[in-house]
Amino acid sequence: MKKAILYINQFFAGIGGEDKADHAPEIKEGLVGPSLALDAALKNAEVTHTVVCGDNFMGSNQDEAVERILEFLEGKEFDIFFAGPSFQAGRYGNACGVICKAVKEKFGVPVISSMHVENPGVNMFKKEVVIFPGGRSAAAMRKDTKKMAAYADKVLAGEKIGTAEEEGFYTRGIRHQVIDFTMEPAAVRGVKMLLKKLAGEEYVTELPIPKSDRVEIAPAIKDLSTSKIAIVTTGGIVPAANPDRIQSASATRWGMYDVSEMPRLEGGVFKTIHAGYDPAAADADPNVCVPLDALRAYETEGKIGSLDTHFYTTVGTGTTEAEASRMAEEMVPFLKEHNVDAVIMTST
């Protein structure tokens, strides 16, 4: 019987929710939480260990978390590695992708996960990790686990693996060259597709191109000296206590903070909670990310009319386009209410 190991977060290990999201990595022998369902679904393997790590710990201490987990796995006998399912949980999806990629590179075993299509982990890791489409919430746990297990059984049995479409996981952009003498020449197939397109008929392309939204460029500001400017940042600058509990990665929350009486942001009063860059410079001087001091100088010099009373902030790393769009739509009414004419967006 082959051996498998599963990675889960602190919530599904029964340790706790957000209050325990800083839980340090540990490895448990045997079945914990979702590993019970995975073990029951597997035919060609048994789950021997469960790795547990808090989502915030992985997001804020990624290098340390990965190093510790890889040390746990040293000397362990396992043929395949699973993570999740992580559903629509962004931080959890990021963690699953990070550890799967690291385990694959270190130990050379197949790695499998499951995530909802809107989980940022899909786009971040689908090229390196086999990720199956999953449900939005834990209500889909059994169904999502069975899909992972069925594919794992095929891999472990040495069966021929089909394309992503045939097996049901997200396409990874990996193209394999095959010779199929039953197919028409490429030129003929291409012309037929073109004719169908021109006729408005349905056709399936052999080279799908990912679609991306295009945002029209706004007209230029005619006179900055009479304009009200707001600052929006994805650099994770927040009051030191992080009152809105904005996540350090794969953010689903944002905050707006009053700076109407402040000439600049002071270190210790504000900090960054962003997990994607070294926080030292931004913690020491938050103005390097949110340039309140420079814009106050422009305001005094008359280069801009005025500065908005608040700045708006979230974290960009791992955040999905869908979540970013939603948060922007939530910010817009406040910007309109404050009669903002233009926004300066800063990142890291």
Protein backbone atom coordinates (compact mmCIF):
# COMPACT_ATOMS: atom_id res chain seq x y z
CA MET A 1 0.00 0.00 0.00
CA LYS A 2 1.32 3.43 -1.01
CA LYS A 3 1.61 6.20 1.57
CA ALA A 4 0.17 9.73 1.48
CA ILE A 5 0.51 12.88 3.58
CA LEU A 6 -2.06 15.69 3.78
CA TYR A 7 -1.56 19.39 4.60
CA ILE A 8 -4.41 21.31 6.29
CA ASN A 9 -4.80 24.60 8.13
CA GLN A 10 -5.52 25.22 11.79
CA PHE A 11 -9.29 25.48 11.28
CA PHE A 12 -9.74 22.07 9.69
CA ALA A 13 -7.40 20.55 12.24
CA GLY A 14 -9.90 21.61 14.90
CA ILE A 15 -7.46 23.99 16.60
CA GLY A 16 -9.41 27.21 16.03
CA GLY A 17 -10.35 29.98 13.63
CA GLU A 18 -8.85 33.43 13.15
CA ASP A 19 -7.73 33.54 16.78
CA LYS A 20 -5.45 30.56 16.07
CA ALA A 21 -4.34 31.52 12.55
CA ASP A 22 -0.79 32.09 13.84
CA HIS A 23 -0.50 28.43 14.84
CA ALA A 24 3.03 27.18 14.12
CA PRO A 25 3.58 24.18 11.81
CA GLU A 26 3.34 20.69 13.28
CA ILE A 27 3.02 17.16 11.97
CA LYS A 28 0.63 14.62 13.45
CA GLU A 29 0.81 10.90 12.95
CA GLY A 30 -2.40 9.44 11.62
CA LEU A 31 -5.68 11.00 10.56
CA VAL A 32 -6.82 14.51 11.49
CA GLY A 33 -9.92 16.29 10.17
CA PRO A 34 -10.15 16.04 6.34
CA SER A 35 -7.53 13.28 6.23
CA LEU A 36 -10.24 10.92 7.49
CA ALA A 37 -12.30 11.53 4.33
CA LEU A 38 -9.23 11.41 2.10
CA ASP A 39 -8.04 8.13 3.59
CA ALA A 40 -11.49 6.60 3.12
CA ALA A 41 -11.62 7.74 -0.52
CA LEU A 42 -8.16 6.45 -1.49
CA LYS A 43 -7.92 2.91 -2.86
CA ASN A 44 -4.20 2.69 -3.58
CA ALA A 45 -2.80 4.61 -0.62
CA GLU A 46 -3.26 5.34 3.05
CA VAL A 47 -2.78 8.68 4.82
CA THR A 48 -0.04 8.20 7.39
CA HIS A 49 0.53 11.79 8.59
CA THR A 50 -1.23 15.15 8.66
CA VAL A 51 0.69 18.42 8.52
CA VAL A 52 -0.98 21.41 10.17
CA CYS A 53 -0.11 25.11 9.88
CA GLY A 54 -1.99 28.32 10.63
CA ASP A 55 -2.88 30.42 7.59
CA ASN A 56 -1.41 33.59 9.06
CA PHE A 57 1.78 31.80 10.08
CA MET A 58 2.28 30.59 6.52
CA GLY A 59 1.39 33.99 5.08
CA SER A 60 3.62 36.02 7.40
CA ASN A 61 6.46 33.53 7.89
CA GLN A 62 6.43 31.61 4.64
CA ASP A 63 10.13 30.72 4.43
CA GLU A 64 10.21 29.54 8.04
CA ALA A 65 6.97 27.58 7.67
CA VAL A 66 8.14 25.80 4.51
CA GLU A 67 11.53 25.01 6.01
CA ARG A 68 10.00 23.52 9.14
CA ILE A 69 7.47 21.44 7.21
CA LEU A 70 10.12 20.09 4.85
CA GLU A 71 12.17 19.12 7.91
CA PHE A 72 9.13 17.24 9.27
CA LEU A 73 8.95 15.27 6.03
CA GLU A 74 12.62 14.34 5.95
CA GLY A 75 12.89 10.61 6.56
CA LYS A 76 9.15 10.06 6.18
CA GLU A 77 8.14 7.48 3.61
CA PHE A 78 5.45 8.89 1.33
CA ASP A 79 4.53 8.50 -2.35
CA ILE A 80 2.11 11.39 -2.82
CA PHE A 81 1.27 14.70 -1.10
CA PHE A 82 -2.11 16.41 -0.77
CA ALA A 83 -3.16 19.86 0.44
CA GLY A 84 -6.67 21.06 1.26
CA PRO A 85 -9.28 21.21 -0.16
CA SER A 86 -9.11 24.99 0.41
CA PHE A 87 -12.42 25.98 -1.23
CA GLN A 88 -12.62 29.79 -1.70
CA ALA A 89 -10.35 30.60 1.26
CA GLY A 90 -7.58 32.74 -0.26
CA ARG A 91 -4.94 32.44 2.46
CA TYR A 92 -5.53 28.70 2.73
CA GLY A 93 -5.26 28.31 -1.05
CA ASN A 94 -2.01 30.25 -1.06
CA ALA A 95 -0.65 28.04 1.72
CA CYS A 96 -1.66 24.84 -0.10
CA GLY A 97 0.03 26.02 -3.28
CA VAL A 98 3.19 27.13 -1.51
CA ILE A 99 3.73 23.87 0.36
CA CYS A 100 2.77 21.64 -2.59
CA LYS A 101 5.26 23.41 -4.83
CA ALA A 102 7.99 23.12 -2.18
CA VAL A 103 7.31 19.42 -1.53
CA LYS A 104 7.30 18.64 -5.26
CA GLU A 105 10.65 20.39 -5.74
CA LYS A 106 12.24 18.81 -2.66
CA PHE A 107 10.95 15.23 -2.79
CA GLY A 108 9.81 14.78 -6.40
CA VAL A 109 6.44 13.24 -5.49
CA PRO A 110 3.09 14.06 -7.13
CA VAL A 111 1.23 16.89 -5.39
CA ILE A 112 -2.53 17.46 -5.55
CA SER A 113 -4.90 20.10 -4.22
CA SER A 114 -8.44 21.39 -4.72
CA MET A 115 -9.62 25.02 -4.83
CA HIS A 116 -12.62 27.04 -5.93
CA VAL A 117 -12.09 28.84 -9.22
CA GLU A 118 -11.97 32.24 -7.46
CA ASN A 119 -9.29 31.14 -5.00
CA PRO A 120 -6.10 33.11 -5.83
CA GLY A 121 -4.10 29.92 -5.36
CA VAL A 122 -5.45 28.60 -8.66
CA ASN A 123 -3.79 31.20 -10.86
CA MET A 124 -0.71 31.34 -8.66
CA PHE A 125 0.07 27.61 -8.62
CA LYS A 126 -1.86 25.70 -11.31
CA LYS A 127 1.27 25.43 -13.47
CA GLU A 128 3.21 23.59 -10.75
CA VAL A 129 0.42 21.80 -8.89
CA VAL A 130 -2.46 19.62 -10.06
CA ILE A 131 -5.46 21.54 -8.69
CA PHE A 132 -9.03 20.32 -9.02
CA PRO A 133 -12.00 22.71 -9.12
CA GLY A 134 -13.69 22.73 -5.73
CA GLY A 135 -16.69 24.14 -3.95
CA ARG A 136 -16.96 27.51 -2.26
CA SER A 137 -17.17 26.11 1.28
CA ALA A 138 -16.53 23.06 3.40
CA ALA A 139 -19.96 21.74 2.40
CA ALA A 140 -18.16 20.39 -0.68
CA MET A 141 -15.43 18.64 1.37
CA ARG A 142 -16.43 15.06 0.60
CA LYS A 143 -17.02 15.70 -3.10
CA ASP A 144 -13.76 17.63 -3.55
CA THR A 145 -11.76 15.04 -1.62
CA LYS A 146 -13.10 12.21 -3.78
CA LYS A 147 -11.93 13.98 -6.95
CA MET A 148 -8.41 14.34 -5.56
CA ALA A 149 -8.37 10.72 -4.41
CA ALA A 150 -9.62 9.31 -7.72
CA TYR A 151 -6.87 11.07 -9.65
CA ALA A 152 -4.24 10.04 -7.09
CA ASP A 153 -5.27 6.40 -7.41
CA LYS A 154 -4.70 6.57 -11.18
CA VAL A 155 -1.27 8.13 -10.70
CA LEU A 156 -0.23 5.62 -8.05
CA ALA A 157 -1.48 2.70 -10.16
CA GLY A 158 0.67 3.86 -13.07
CA GLU A 159 -2.33 4.36 -15.34
CA LYS A 160 -2.16 6.64 -18.36
CA ILE A 161 -3.07 10.19 -17.40
CA GLY A 162 -5.16 12.21 -19.85
CA THR A 163 -5.31 15.92 -20.49
CA ALA A 164 -6.45 18.41 -17.88
CA GLU A 165 -9.87 18.53 -19.54
CA GLU A 166 -10.14 14.73 -19.51
CA GLU A 167 -9.00 14.37 -15.89
CA GLY A 168 -10.93 17.37 -14.63
CA PHE A 169 -8.20 19.58 -13.12
CA TYR A 170 -7.39 23.18 -14.06
CA THR A 171 -5.44 23.52 -17.30
CA ARG A 172 -1.78 24.29 -16.64
CA GLY A 173 -0.76 25.72 -19.99
CA ILE A 174 1.44 22.69 -20.62
CA ARG A 175 1.31 21.57 -24.25
CA HIS A 176 2.39 18.08 -25.29
CA GLN A 177 3.32 17.23 -28.85
CA VAL A 178 1.41 14.21 -30.16
CA ILE A 179 1.04 12.53 -33.53
CA ASP A 180 -2.51 11.53 -34.42
CA PHE A 181 -2.81 10.31 -38.00
CA THR A 182 -6.61 10.25 -37.72
CA MET A 183 -6.72 14.05 -37.48
CA GLU A 184 -6.86 16.43 -40.39
CA PRO A 185 -3.78 18.56 -41.13
CA ALA A 186 -3.46 21.69 -38.98
CA ALA A 187 -4.03 23.99 -41.96
CA VAL A 188 -7.37 22.31 -42.74
CA ARG A 189 -8.46 22.43 -39.09
CA GLY A 190 -7.49 26.10 -38.87
CA VAL A 191 -9.45 27.07 -41.97
CA LYS A 192 -12.49 25.16 -40.72
CA MET A 193 -12.35 27.01 -37.40
CA LEU A 194 -12.05 30.33 -39.22
CA LEU A 195 -15.06 29.55 -41.41
CA LYS A 196 -17.11 28.64 -38.34
CA LYS A 197 -16.07 31.85 -36.62
CA LEU A 198 -16.99 33.95 -39.65
CA ALA A 199 -20.35 32.19 -39.84
CA GLY A 200 -21.01 32.79 -36.15
CA GLU A 201 -21.00 29.07 -35.41
CA GLU A 202 -19.57 27.43 -32.30
CA TYR A 203 -16.02 26.07 -32.46
CA VAL A 204 -13.30 24.98 -30.04
CA THR A 205 -9.88 26.52 -30.42
CA GLU A 206 -6.77 24.39 -29.99
CA LEU A 207 -4.89 27.31 -28.46
CA PRO A 208 -7.07 29.06 -25.85
CA ILE A 209 -5.91 32.54 -24.87
CA PRO A 210 -6.70 33.68 -21.31
CA LYS A 211 -9.03 36.66 -21.25
CA SER A 212 -8.23 39.72 -19.15
CA ASP A 213 -10.30 42.78 -18.36
CA ARG A 214 -9.25 46.06 -19.94
CA VAL A 215 -9.82 49.27 -17.99
CA GLU A 216 -10.22 52.42 -20.03
CA ILE A 217 -7.70 55.16 -19.20
CA ALA A 218 -9.41 58.10 -17.51
CA PRO A 219 -9.04 61.62 -18.94
CA ALA A 220 -6.05 63.58 -17.62
CA ILE A 221 -6.59 66.05 -14.78
CA LYS A 222 -6.55 69.53 -16.31
CA ASP A 223 -5.55 71.46 -13.19
CA LEU A 224 -3.97 69.64 -10.23
CA SER A 225 -3.84 72.88 -8.24
CA THR A 226 -7.62 72.74 -7.78
CA SER A 227 -8.00 68.96 -7.49
CA LYS A 228 -8.60 66.79 -4.44
CA ILE A 229 -6.28 63.77 -4.37
CA ALA A 230 -6.71 60.47 -2.51
CA ILE A 231 -4.17 57.74 -1.79
CA VAL A 232 -5.06 54.09 -2.37
CA THR A 233 -2.43 51.46 -1.62
CA THR A 234 -2.00 47.71 -1.93
CA GLY A 235 1.07 47.93 0.28
CA GLY A 236 -0.73 46.89 3.46
CA ILE A 237 -0.11 50.06 5.50
CA VAL A 238 -2.46 50.02 8.49
CA PRO A 239 -2.67 51.36 12.06
CA ALA A 240 -0.38 49.28 14.27
CA ALA A 241 -3.28 47.28 15.74
CA ASN A 242 -4.66 46.41 12.27
CA PRO A 243 -8.22 47.17 13.46
CA ASP A 244 -9.89 45.81 10.33
CA ARG A 245 -7.89 42.58 10.47
CA ILE A 246 -6.76 42.88 6.86
CA GLN A 247 -5.04 39.65 5.81
CA SER A 248 -1.32 39.66 5.07
CA ALA A 249 -1.90 37.76 1.81
CA SER A 250 -4.89 36.91 -0.41
CA ALA A 251 -6.79 39.82 1.12
CA THR A 252 -10.56 40.01 1.23
CA ARG A 253 -10.67 43.07 3.49
CA TRP A 254 -9.66 46.71 3.19
CA GLY A 255 -9.58 49.76 5.44
CA MET A 256 -9.82 53.55 5.28
CA TYR A 257 -8.03 55.61 7.90
CA ASP A 258 -8.35 59.27 8.87
CA VAL A 259 -5.15 61.28 8.31
CA SER A 260 -6.79 64.72 8.16
CA GLU A 261 -4.73 66.04 11.09
CA MET A 262 -1.48 64.26 10.22
CA PRO A 263 1.47 65.85 8.39
CA ARG A 264 2.99 62.39 7.87
CA LEU A 265 2.61 58.73 8.92
CA GLU A 266 4.72 57.80 11.93
CA GLY A 267 6.43 54.44 12.34
CA GLY A 268 5.02 52.59 15.34
CA VAL A 269 1.66 54.27 14.81
CA PHE A 270 1.36 52.73 11.34
CA LYS A 271 2.98 49.59 9.92
CA THR A 272 2.66 47.18 7.01
CA ILE A 273 1.02 43.77 7.37
CA HIS A 274 1.93 42.80 3.78
CA ALA A 275 3.53 39.34 3.58
CA GLY A 276 5.07 39.80 0.14
CA TYR A 277 7.99 42.13 0.87
CA ASP A 278 10.49 42.99 3.60
CA PRO A 279 8.52 45.22 6.01
CA ALA A 280 11.56 46.89 7.65
CA ALA A 281 11.59 50.09 5.55
CA ALA A 282 7.82 50.55 5.56
CA ASP A 283 7.56 49.88 9.30
CA ALA A 284 10.29 52.41 10.02
CA ASP A 285 8.77 55.03 7.70
CA PRO A 286 5.29 54.19 6.35
CA ASN A 287 5.51 57.24 4.06
CA VAL A 288 7.73 55.24 1.67
CA CYS A 289 4.59 53.28 0.77
CA VAL A 290 1.88 55.87 1.49
CA PRO A 291 3.58 59.21 0.63
CA LEU A 292 1.49 61.39 2.93
CA ASP A 293 4.48 63.63 3.76
CA ALA A 294 5.25 64.37 0.09
CA LEU A 295 1.63 65.09 -0.76
CA ARG A 296 1.29 67.38 2.25
CA ALA A 297 4.23 69.34 0.86
CA TYR A 298 2.53 69.54 -2.55
CA GLU A 299 -0.65 70.67 -0.79
CA THR A 300 1.24 73.45 1.02
CA GLU A 301 2.99 74.51 -2.20
CA GLY A 302 -0.31 74.64 -4.09
CA LYS A 303 0.70 71.89 -6.54
CA ILE A 304 -2.48 70.03 -5.58
CA GLY A 305 -5.69 71.55 -4.31
CA SER A 306 -6.14 69.31 -1.29
CA LEU A 307 -5.61 65.81 0.04
CA ASP A 308 -8.46 63.51 0.98
CA THR A 309 -9.11 63.16 4.70
CA HIS A 310 -8.52 59.39 4.52
CA PHE A 311 -6.25 56.90 2.77
CA TYR A 312 -7.49 53.52 1.57
CA THR A 313 -5.51 50.31 1.97
CA THR A 314 -5.41 46.56 1.40
CA VAL A 315 -2.86 43.89 0.46
CA GLY A 316 -2.20 42.93 -3.14
CA THR A 317 -0.17 39.73 -2.87
CA GLY A 318 -2.24 36.71 -3.84
CA THR A 319 -5.44 38.75 -4.02
CA THR A 320 -7.75 37.64 -6.83
CA GLU A 321 -8.95 40.01 -9.51
CA ALA A 322 -12.50 39.33 -8.33
CA GLU A 323 -11.72 40.34 -4.75
CA ALA A 324 -9.70 43.37 -5.87
CA SER A 325 -12.58 44.49 -8.09
CA ARG A 326 -15.09 44.05 -5.28
CA MET A 327 -12.98 46.04 -2.82
CA ALA A 328 -12.50 48.83 -5.38
CA GLU A 329 -16.26 49.01 -5.92
CA GLU A 330 -16.71 49.33 -2.16
CA MET A 331 -14.15 52.17 -2.00
CA VAL A 332 -15.65 54.19 -4.87
CA PRO A 333 -18.73 55.51 -2.97
CA PHE A 334 -16.45 56.94 -0.27
CA LEU A 335 -14.20 58.57 -2.86
CA LYS A 336 -17.26 60.13 -4.50
CA GLU A 337 -18.67 61.24 -1.16
CA HIS A 338 -15.34 62.95 -0.41
CA ASN A 339 -15.43 64.66 -3.85
CA VAL A 340 -12.10 63.12 -4.88
CA ASP A 341 -10.93 64.12 -8.35
CA ALA A 342 -8.00 61.73 -8.73
CA VAL A 343 -6.39 58.77 -7.00
CA ILE A 344 -2.71 58.02 -6.57
CA MET A 345 -2.25 54.27 -6.28
CA THR A 346 0.86 52.94 -4.61
CA SER A 347 2.13 49.43 -4.21
CA THR A 348 5.33 47.85 -2.89
